């Protein structure tokens, strides 16, 4: 069992490292190119491996349950960010609702057993992570009430926010584990960096598309619809 546990950790770390590298490549690459989408899909594959090995670490090998929350955060960000790109709409889909409910149930599971686990990370990191998941899932369940014509102008910014969020969650977990002597700053600083990155890209594309005057018949800016089509 010990060999399997160490093997699972090795796979988890290697998959997370490759996912981080791919995320950086996707962030700096040309968003209009096929290469960006290809790298993004490979990133999601490695993210899936990180999630699977993380779940095995919690439920099979008895690792600290907070790993479950970090896995849920990065996994949900990646999944939801990909789904936004696929659908480009806020029409309800059973798969999206099911994953949102499963993820929030995971958080409640953690909170229920919170007092019985070892608190490896600082409370500020734990509470902010839990709060981030609740906030994002709450938005995802409420976005169905946003008028479709308005949401057509929002999906790209949502995609940016969530995919960078997945990268940030991985980076925080990596930094917090490697530089554990400097916590909570080793976990918080990557989160601050990711937040600034999200704001920067969203503002950049908002300004870019606000200058676009050509629109399609569905009132969606052509440049916006062409970016990820």
Protein backbone atom coordinates (compact mmCIF):
# COMPACT_ATOMS: atom_id res chain seq x y z
CA UNK A 1 0.00 0.00 0.00
CA UNK A 2 2.89 2.35 0.78
CA UNK A 3 4.32 1.87 -2.71
CA UNK A 4 0.94 2.65 -4.25
CA UNK A 5 0.64 5.73 -2.06
CA UNK A 6 4.04 7.05 -3.12
CA UNK A 7 3.26 6.26 -6.75
CA UNK A 8 0.02 8.20 -6.47
CA UNK A 9 1.88 11.18 -5.00
CA UNK A 10 4.46 11.04 -7.79
CA UNK A 11 1.79 10.97 -10.49
CA UNK A 12 -0.12 13.76 -8.74
CA UNK A 13 2.95 16.00 -8.55
CA UNK A 14 4.09 15.32 -12.12
CA UNK A 15 0.59 15.88 -13.55
CA UNK A 16 0.28 19.10 -11.57
CA UNK A 17 3.67 20.31 -12.80
CA UNK A 18 2.82 19.63 -16.44
CA UNK A 19 -0.58 21.28 -15.96
CA UNK A 20 1.09 24.42 -14.60
CA UNK A 21 3.49 24.58 -17.54
CA UNK A 22 0.68 24.09 -20.04
CA UNK A 23 -1.42 26.75 -18.32
CA UNK A 24 1.40 29.27 -18.64
CA UNK A 25 1.81 28.39 -22.33
CA UNK A 26 -1.94 28.81 -22.89
CA UNK A 27 -1.96 32.17 -21.10
CA UNK A 28 0.87 33.67 -23.15
CA UNK A 29 -0.15 32.14 -26.49
CA UNK A 30 -2.26 33.85 -29.16
CA UNK A 31 -5.89 33.29 -28.18
CA UNK A 32 -7.04 33.25 -31.81
CA UNK A 33 -4.77 30.37 -32.74
CA UNK A 34 -5.62 26.66 -32.79
CA UNK A 35 -2.51 26.10 -30.66
CA UNK A 36 -4.15 27.86 -27.71
CA UNK A 37 -7.18 25.58 -27.79
CA UNK A 38 -5.02 22.47 -28.21
CA UNK A 39 -2.84 23.36 -25.24
CA UNK A 40 -5.96 24.14 -23.22
CA UNK A 41 -7.40 20.69 -23.88
CA UNK A 42 -4.15 18.97 -22.89
CA UNK A 43 -4.10 21.12 -19.75
CA UNK A 44 -7.55 19.78 -18.85
CA UNK A 45 -6.31 16.20 -19.33
CA UNK A 46 -3.52 16.72 -16.81
CA UNK A 47 -5.97 18.55 -14.54
CA UNK A 48 -8.17 15.45 -14.62
CA UNK A 49 -5.20 13.34 -13.53
CA UNK A 50 -4.50 15.78 -10.69
CA UNK A 51 -8.12 15.56 -9.57
CA UNK A 52 -8.21 11.74 -9.76
CA UNK A 53 -4.97 11.29 -7.81
CA UNK A 54 -6.09 13.92 -5.32
CA UNK A 55 -9.31 12.04 -4.67
CA UNK A 56 -7.39 8.79 -4.31
CA UNK A 57 -5.11 10.51 -1.82
CA UNK A 58 -8.07 11.54 0.34
CA UNK A 59 -10.38 8.53 0.15
CA UNK A 60 -7.94 5.65 -0.37
CA UNK A 61 -4.72 6.74 1.31
CA UNK A 62 -6.27 8.94 4.02
CA UNK A 63 -4.50 12.18 3.17
CA UNK A 64 -5.63 15.44 4.79
CA UNK A 65 -9.18 16.26 3.74
CA UNK A 66 -8.31 19.83 2.80
CA UNK A 67 -6.67 18.33 -0.28
CA UNK A 68 -10.24 17.49 -1.26
CA UNK A 69 -11.21 21.18 -1.21
CA UNK A 70 -8.18 22.29 -3.24
CA UNK A 71 -8.91 19.53 -5.75
CA UNK A 72 -12.56 20.56 -5.93
CA UNK A 73 -11.65 24.22 -6.48
CA UNK A 74 -9.13 23.69 -9.28
CA UNK A 75 -11.21 20.94 -10.85
CA UNK A 76 -14.44 22.92 -10.85
CA UNK A 77 -12.74 26.03 -12.24
CA UNK A 78 -11.28 23.97 -15.08
CA UNK A 79 -14.48 22.09 -15.83
CA UNK A 80 -16.75 25.12 -15.72
CA UNK A 81 -14.30 27.25 -17.72
CA UNK A 82 -14.22 24.62 -20.44
CA UNK A 83 -18.01 24.26 -20.45
CA UNK A 84 -18.45 28.02 -20.87
CA UNK A 85 -16.30 27.85 -23.98
CA UNK A 86 -18.24 24.86 -25.33
CA UNK A 87 -21.75 26.24 -24.84
CA UNK A 88 -21.19 30.02 -25.00
CA UNK A 89 -24.62 30.36 -23.39
CA UNK A 90 -26.29 30.25 -19.99
CA UNK A 91 -28.91 27.69 -20.88
CA UNK A 92 -29.21 25.12 -18.07
CA UNK A 93 -27.55 21.77 -18.71
CA UNK A 94 -27.94 18.76 -16.44
CA UNK A 95 -24.20 18.01 -16.51
CA UNK A 96 -23.26 21.51 -15.32
CA UNK A 97 -25.83 21.49 -12.52
CA UNK A 98 -24.83 17.98 -11.42
CA UNK A 99 -21.13 18.85 -11.21
CA UNK A 100 -21.93 22.08 -9.32
CA UNK A 101 -24.02 20.16 -6.76
CA UNK A 102 -21.34 17.46 -6.42
CA UNK A 103 -18.64 20.06 -5.86
CA UNK A 104 -20.59 22.03 -3.26
CA UNK A 105 -21.45 18.75 -1.52
CA UNK A 106 -17.72 18.05 -1.34
CA UNK A 107 -17.21 21.38 0.41
CA UNK A 108 -19.99 20.66 2.90
CA UNK A 109 -18.44 17.24 3.53
CA UNK A 110 -15.16 18.95 4.39
CA UNK A 111 -16.84 21.49 6.66
CA UNK A 112 -18.74 18.74 8.48
CA UNK A 113 -15.56 16.82 9.29
CA UNK A 114 -13.47 19.97 9.71
CA UNK A 115 -12.97 19.57 13.46
CA UNK A 116 -11.77 15.97 13.17
CA UNK A 117 -8.95 16.58 10.67
CA UNK A 118 -5.46 17.90 11.04
CA UNK A 119 -5.26 21.57 10.01
CA UNK A 120 -2.11 21.64 7.89
CA UNK A 121 -2.78 24.96 6.16
CA UNK A 122 -3.59 28.27 7.86
CA UNK A 123 -7.28 29.07 8.57
CA UNK A 124 -7.17 32.14 6.29
CA UNK A 125 -6.22 29.89 3.37
CA UNK A 126 -8.88 27.30 4.19
CA UNK A 127 -11.72 29.78 4.62
CA UNK A 128 -10.80 31.78 1.52
CA UNK A 129 -10.66 28.60 -0.56
CA UNK A 130 -14.04 27.41 0.69
CA UNK A 131 -15.45 30.90 0.12
CA UNK A 132 -14.12 30.95 -3.45
CA UNK A 133 -15.86 27.68 -4.31
CA UNK A 134 -19.17 28.80 -2.80
CA UNK A 135 -18.99 32.14 -4.61
CA UNK A 136 -18.28 30.63 -8.04
CA UNK A 137 -20.92 27.92 -7.75
CA UNK A 138 -23.49 30.43 -6.50
CA UNK A 139 -22.81 32.56 -9.57
CA UNK A 140 -23.06 29.53 -11.85
CA UNK A 141 -26.48 28.63 -10.49
CA UNK A 142 -27.71 32.24 -10.64
CA UNK A 143 -26.38 33.01 -14.13
CA UNK A 144 -29.32 31.12 -15.63
CA UNK A 145 -31.43 34.14 -14.73
CA UNK A 146 -29.25 36.53 -16.74
CA UNK A 147 -30.95 37.52 -20.03
CA UNK A 148 -29.40 35.57 -22.89
CA UNK A 149 -28.67 38.70 -24.91
CA UNK A 150 -26.60 40.09 -22.05
CA UNK A 151 -24.84 36.80 -21.34
CA UNK A 152 -23.62 36.62 -24.93
CA UNK A 153 -21.30 39.46 -23.99
CA UNK A 154 -20.16 37.82 -20.74
CA UNK A 155 -19.13 34.26 -21.56
CA UNK A 156 -15.59 35.15 -22.69
CA UNK A 157 -14.85 37.01 -19.46
CA UNK A 158 -16.24 34.08 -17.48
CA UNK A 159 -14.00 31.70 -19.42
CA UNK A 160 -10.97 33.87 -18.70
CA UNK A 161 -11.79 34.13 -15.00
CA UNK A 162 -12.33 30.42 -14.51
CA UNK A 163 -9.40 29.07 -16.50
CA UNK A 164 -6.98 31.45 -14.82
CA UNK A 165 -8.67 30.47 -11.55
CA UNK A 166 -7.84 26.81 -12.22
CA UNK A 167 -4.22 27.77 -12.89
CA UNK A 168 -4.10 29.90 -9.74
CA UNK A 169 -5.49 27.11 -7.55
CA UNK A 170 -2.81 24.73 -8.86
CA UNK A 171 -0.10 27.34 -8.38
CA UNK A 172 -1.21 28.06 -4.81
CA UNK A 173 -1.27 24.35 -3.95
CA UNK A 174 2.19 23.86 -5.49
CA UNK A 175 3.69 26.92 -3.79
CA UNK A 176 2.07 26.16 -0.45
CA UNK A 177 3.42 22.60 -0.49
CA UNK A 178 6.95 23.40 -1.64
CA UNK A 179 7.38 26.59 0.41
CA UNK A 180 5.40 25.47 3.45
CA UNK A 181 7.74 27.34 5.82
CA UNK A 182 6.44 30.63 4.44
CA UNK A 183 2.73 29.98 4.74
CA UNK A 184 0.23 31.53 4.54
CA UNK A 185 2.07 33.86 2.16
CA UNK A 186 3.21 30.99 -0.04
CA UNK A 187 -0.47 30.21 -0.68
CA UNK A 188 -1.86 33.74 -0.65
CA UNK A 189 0.62 35.47 -2.96
CA UNK A 190 -0.10 33.15 -5.92
CA UNK A 191 -3.80 33.85 -5.34
CA UNK A 192 -3.17 37.59 -5.43
CA UNK A 193 -1.11 37.15 -8.59
CA UNK A 194 -3.89 35.11 -10.21
CA UNK A 195 -6.50 37.71 -9.26
CA UNK A 196 -4.44 40.47 -10.85
CA UNK A 197 -4.00 38.30 -13.92
CA UNK A 198 -7.75 37.76 -14.17
CA UNK A 199 -8.45 41.48 -13.84
CA UNK A 200 -5.76 42.35 -16.37
CA UNK A 201 -7.02 40.00 -19.09
CA UNK A 202 -10.68 40.86 -18.51
CA UNK A 203 -9.98 44.60 -18.69
CA UNK A 204 -7.83 44.10 -21.79
CA UNK A 205 -10.52 42.21 -23.70
CA UNK A 206 -13.29 44.47 -22.46
CA UNK A 207 -11.47 47.51 -23.83
CA UNK A 208 -10.65 45.66 -27.02
CA UNK A 209 -14.23 44.64 -27.75
CA UNK A 210 -15.76 47.90 -26.54
CA UNK A 211 -14.14 49.54 -29.57
CA UNK A 212 -15.70 47.01 -31.94
CA UNK A 213 -18.69 48.44 -33.78
CA UNK A 214 -19.45 45.57 -36.15
CA UNK A 215 -22.02 43.17 -34.71
CA UNK A 216 -23.65 40.01 -35.89
CA UNK A 217 -27.39 39.53 -36.31
CA UNK A 218 -27.53 38.06 -32.77
CA UNK A 219 -26.05 41.27 -31.36
CA UNK A 220 -22.82 39.48 -30.42
CA UNK A 221 -19.62 41.28 -31.42
CA UNK A 222 -18.05 39.45 -34.34
CA UNK A 223 -14.60 39.71 -32.84
CA UNK A 224 -15.88 38.09 -29.66
CA UNK A 225 -17.62 35.22 -31.38
CA UNK A 226 -14.70 34.60 -33.69
CA UNK A 227 -12.13 34.52 -30.90
CA UNK A 228 -12.90 30.99 -29.71
CA UNK A 229 -15.04 29.59 -32.53
